[in-house]
Amino acid sequence: MTGSRDTYGGYRARLVEQLRAQGIRDLAVLRAFAETPRHLFVPEGVRHRAYEDSSLPIGRGQTISQPFTQARYLETLALQGTERVLEVGTGSGYQTALLGALASQVFTIERVRVLAETAQAALKAAGVTNVSLLIGDGTLGWSAYAPYHAILVAAGGPEIPPPLVEQLAPSGRMIIPLGAKGAQTLTLVRRTEGGVSATPIGAARFVPLVGEHGFDA
């Protein structure tokens, strides 16, 4: 995923060691962070901070999430490399690229066209080829390619969007921040024979999930 002229390898290695020190143990997740060029997914004005373990602004009121936060919920999804995954909220495209390294196919939805176009260009520059991108309302999912073995929602909503539950495969799992604007609980949702179970993982703070089954714009 990185080219021969890449000069950021040392910074990525340091970030991986930080993630490991904070308790991330999934080797596939750590390898994805080691190989994915985060600097391609941030604006030039903050590129010097690309490998800090912090969230960064990417424009349009959106952010690229803190790497540790991303690593934590990617580890929770426990992807094996064969899954079809839906991502709601492409944002910068960095998390999309990480998912691309961890799953077989990734379908990602972004409602803001300019962010989607920028992310598409960054994904191409990073050499990610197993991702399909849709511009639209992520709370409605992407039914054409359902069911999904895993769904990752990268924005905080007031409830679990019903269409996403419907598009989750049996025994599938979803990570979604739930709660009020500005403060949510990261939640692991599983689809079981008896219905849906939801397990809180920890406090989180994400941009609002906007759409028919989210907050108003």
Protein backbone atom coordinates (compact mmCIF):
# COMPACT_ATOMS: atom_id res chain seq x y z
CA MET A 1 0.00 0.00 0.00
CA THR A 2 3.06 2.24 0.29
CA GLY A 3 5.55 3.08 -2.42
CA SER A 4 9.32 2.95 -2.62
CA ARG A 5 9.59 6.72 -2.17
CA ASP A 6 7.65 6.66 1.08
CA THR A 7 9.49 8.59 3.79
CA TYR A 8 6.95 8.14 6.56
CA GLY A 9 7.67 4.52 7.52
CA GLY A 10 9.47 5.47 10.71
CA TYR A 11 6.60 7.66 11.84
CA ARG A 12 4.13 4.84 11.22
CA ALA A 13 6.32 2.42 13.17
CA ARG A 14 6.34 4.81 16.11
CA LEU A 15 2.54 5.15 15.93
CA VAL A 16 2.21 1.36 15.94
CA GLU A 17 4.36 1.14 19.07
CA GLN A 18 2.12 3.74 20.74
CA LEU A 19 -0.95 1.70 19.85
CA ARG A 20 0.69 -1.45 21.17
CA ALA A 21 1.62 0.34 24.41
CA GLN A 22 -2.05 1.36 24.83
CA GLY A 23 -3.18 -2.25 24.65
CA ILE A 24 -3.87 -2.96 20.98
CA ARG A 25 -2.92 -6.61 20.43
CA ASP A 26 -4.52 -7.66 17.13
CA LEU A 27 -1.55 -8.17 14.81
CA ALA A 28 -3.62 -7.62 11.67
CA VAL A 29 -4.81 -4.25 12.99
CA LEU A 30 -1.28 -3.21 13.93
CA ARG A 31 -0.01 -4.28 10.51
CA ALA A 32 -2.75 -2.23 8.80
CA PHE A 33 -1.61 0.87 10.69
CA ALA A 34 2.01 0.11 9.83
CA GLU A 35 1.24 -0.10 6.13
CA THR A 36 -1.45 2.56 5.58
CA PRO A 37 -0.15 6.05 4.67
CA ARG A 38 -2.21 8.32 6.93
CA HIS A 39 -0.40 11.40 5.57
CA LEU A 40 -2.24 10.95 2.25
CA PHE A 41 -5.60 11.33 4.01
CA VAL A 42 -5.04 14.63 5.85
CA PRO A 43 -4.91 18.17 4.44
CA GLU A 44 -1.44 19.49 3.60
CA GLY A 45 -1.70 22.08 6.37
CA VAL A 46 -1.69 19.35 9.05
CA ARG A 47 0.35 16.72 7.20
CA HIS A 48 3.27 17.23 9.61
CA ARG A 49 0.94 15.91 12.34
CA ALA A 50 -0.33 12.93 10.33
CA TYR A 51 1.16 10.28 12.63
CA GLU A 52 0.24 11.85 15.95
CA ASP A 53 -2.21 9.81 17.97
CA SER A 54 -4.81 12.55 17.71
CA SER A 55 -7.83 13.56 15.65
CA LEU A 56 -7.24 16.19 12.99
CA PRO A 57 -9.56 18.51 11.02
CA ILE A 58 -10.24 17.56 7.40
CA GLY A 59 -12.68 20.35 6.50
CA ARG A 60 -16.45 20.73 6.34
CA GLY A 61 -16.64 20.40 10.12
CA GLN A 62 -15.34 16.82 9.93
CA THR A 63 -12.29 15.18 11.49
CA ILE A 64 -10.04 12.20 10.95
CA SER A 65 -10.38 10.17 14.14
CA GLN A 66 -7.67 9.48 16.69
CA PRO A 67 -5.73 6.35 15.61
CA PHE A 68 -6.16 4.66 19.00
CA THR A 69 -9.93 5.08 18.79
CA GLN A 70 -9.93 3.57 15.31
CA ALA A 71 -7.64 0.74 16.38
CA ARG A 72 -9.87 -0.05 19.34
CA TYR A 73 -13.02 -0.54 17.32
CA LEU A 74 -11.25 -2.26 14.45
CA GLU A 75 -9.89 -4.71 16.99
CA THR A 76 -13.39 -5.15 18.40
CA LEU A 77 -14.74 -6.07 14.95
CA ALA A 78 -12.18 -8.93 14.86
CA LEU A 79 -12.04 -9.07 11.06
CA GLN A 80 -10.47 -12.19 9.54
CA GLY A 81 -9.84 -10.90 6.02
CA THR A 82 -12.76 -12.55 4.24
CA GLU A 83 -15.60 -10.23 5.23
CA ARG A 84 -17.76 -7.83 3.26
CA VAL A 85 -17.87 -4.64 5.32
CA LEU A 86 -20.04 -1.53 5.21
CA GLU A 87 -18.63 1.77 6.48
CA VAL A 88 -20.97 4.67 7.22
CA GLY A 89 -19.07 7.95 7.02
CA THR A 90 -16.07 7.76 4.69
CA GLY A 91 -14.67 11.07 5.90
CA SER A 92 -11.00 11.31 4.95
CA GLY A 93 -10.92 7.73 3.66
CA TYR A 94 -8.19 6.66 6.10
CA GLN A 95 -10.39 4.33 8.09
CA THR A 96 -11.71 3.01 4.77
CA ALA A 97 -8.14 2.15 3.79
CA LEU A 98 -7.57 0.40 7.12
CA LEU A 99 -10.73 -1.64 6.57
CA GLY A 100 -9.51 -2.44 3.07
CA ALA A 101 -6.39 -3.97 4.61
CA LEU A 102 -8.47 -6.03 7.06
CA ALA A 103 -11.43 -7.23 4.96
CA SER A 104 -12.14 -8.65 1.52
CA GLN A 105 -14.52 -5.94 0.30
CA VAL A 106 -15.43 -2.55 1.71
CA PHE A 107 -18.49 -0.51 0.77
CA THR A 108 -18.38 3.01 2.15
CA ILE A 109 -20.93 5.85 2.17
CA GLU A 110 -20.26 9.58 2.54
CA ARG A 111 -22.97 12.23 2.39
CA VAL A 112 -20.65 15.23 1.71
CA ARG A 113 -19.62 15.14 -1.94
CA VAL A 114 -16.38 17.09 -1.60
CA LEU A 115 -15.19 14.78 1.19
CA ALA A 116 -16.13 11.74 -0.87
CA GLU A 117 -14.18 13.00 -3.87
CA THR A 118 -11.13 13.85 -1.77
CA ALA A 119 -11.26 10.45 -0.07
CA GLN A 120 -11.59 8.69 -3.42
CA ALA A 121 -8.46 10.43 -4.67
CA ALA A 122 -6.53 9.57 -1.49
CA LEU A 123 -7.59 5.92 -1.67
CA LYS A 124 -6.37 5.77 -5.25
CA ALA A 125 -3.05 7.39 -4.28
CA ALA A 126 -2.67 4.83 -1.48
CA GLY A 127 -3.26 1.96 -3.88
CA VAL A 128 -6.47 0.72 -2.24
CA THR A 129 -8.45 -1.30 -4.79
CA ASN A 130 -11.10 -3.24 -2.85
CA VAL A 131 -13.31 -0.27 -1.89
CA SER A 132 -16.54 0.99 -3.48
CA LEU A 133 -17.82 4.45 -2.52
CA LEU A 134 -21.36 5.84 -2.59
CA ILE A 135 -22.41 9.45 -2.01
CA GLY A 136 -25.64 9.41 -0.01
CA ASP A 137 -27.39 8.95 3.32
CA GLY A 138 -25.38 6.40 5.28
CA THR A 139 -28.20 5.75 7.75
CA LEU A 140 -30.03 3.99 4.91
CA GLY A 141 -27.09 1.67 4.28
CA TRP A 142 -26.29 0.23 0.86
CA SER A 143 -28.81 -2.53 0.30
CA ALA A 144 -27.50 -3.59 -3.12
CA TYR A 145 -24.52 -5.34 -1.55
CA ALA A 146 -26.08 -6.53 1.71
CA PRO A 147 -25.80 -8.52 3.85
CA TYR A 148 -22.61 -7.34 5.50
CA HIS A 149 -20.52 -9.37 7.91
CA ALA A 150 -19.54 -6.17 9.70
CA ILE A 151 -20.70 -2.55 9.73
CA LEU A 152 -18.71 0.36 11.12
CA VAL A 153 -20.47 3.67 11.74
CA ALA A 154 -18.03 6.57 12.01
CA ALA A 155 -20.47 9.13 13.43
CA GLY A 156 -22.60 9.32 16.56
CA GLY A 157 -26.33 8.79 16.29
CA PRO A 158 -29.31 8.80 18.66
CA GLU A 159 -30.27 5.21 17.80
CA ILE A 160 -29.23 2.20 15.76
CA PRO A 161 -30.55 2.87 12.22
CA PRO A 162 -33.03 0.06 11.41
CA PRO A 163 -31.82 -0.29 7.79
CA LEU A 164 -28.33 -1.09 9.06
CA VAL A 165 -29.67 -3.83 11.32
CA GLU A 166 -31.60 -5.28 8.36
CA GLN A 167 -28.44 -5.27 6.23
CA LEU A 168 -26.32 -6.99 8.89
CA ALA A 169 -25.71 -10.66 8.20
CA PRO A 170 -26.71 -13.29 10.77
CA SER A 171 -24.01 -13.34 13.47
CA GLY A 172 -22.73 -10.05 12.01
CA ARG A 173 -21.45 -7.25 14.19
CA MET A 174 -21.71 -3.48 14.05
CA ILE A 175 -19.73 -0.78 15.83
CA ILE A 176 -21.65 2.47 16.34
CA PRO A 177 -21.40 5.44 18.74
CA LEU A 178 -24.82 6.02 20.34
CA GLY A 179 -26.04 8.99 22.33
CA ALA A 180 -26.42 12.75 22.26
CA LYS A 181 -24.43 15.11 20.06
CA GLY A 182 -20.92 15.56 21.42
CA ALA A 183 -20.90 12.56 23.77
CA GLN A 184 -21.72 8.98 22.92
CA THR A 185 -21.10 5.42 24.03
CA LEU A 186 -19.24 3.26 21.53
CA THR A 187 -21.47 0.21 21.18
CA LEU A 188 -20.98 -3.28 19.73
CA VAL A 189 -24.17 -4.54 18.12
CA ARG A 190 -24.60 -8.22 17.20
CA ARG A 191 -27.35 -9.79 15.15
CA THR A 192 -28.35 -13.10 16.73
CA GLU A 193 -31.08 -15.66 16.19
CA GLY A 194 -33.02 -14.04 19.01
CA GLY A 195 -32.72 -10.52 17.65
CA VAL A 196 -30.14 -7.83 18.33
CA SER A 197 -27.80 -7.43 21.29
CA ALA A 198 -25.96 -4.23 22.16
CA THR A 199 -22.85 -4.11 24.37
CA PRO A 200 -21.32 -0.78 25.49
CA ILE A 201 -17.56 -0.55 24.93
CA GLY A 202 -16.72 2.86 26.30
CA ALA A 203 -17.18 6.62 26.04
CA ALA A 204 -16.62 8.23 22.64
CA ARG A 205 -16.98 11.58 20.93
CA PHE A 206 -17.80 11.59 17.23
CA VAL A 207 -19.30 14.06 14.77
CA PRO A 208 -23.11 13.72 14.51
CA LEU A 209 -24.61 11.02 12.30
CA VAL A 210 -26.80 12.99 9.91
CA GLY A 211 -29.58 11.39 7.90
CA GLU A 212 -33.06 9.94 7.92
CA HIS A 213 -32.24 7.73 10.91
CA GLY A 214 -29.80 10.14 12.54
CA PHE A 215 -29.73 13.80 13.45
CA ASP A 216 -31.01 16.60 11.22
CA ALA A 217 -28.33 18.41 9.25
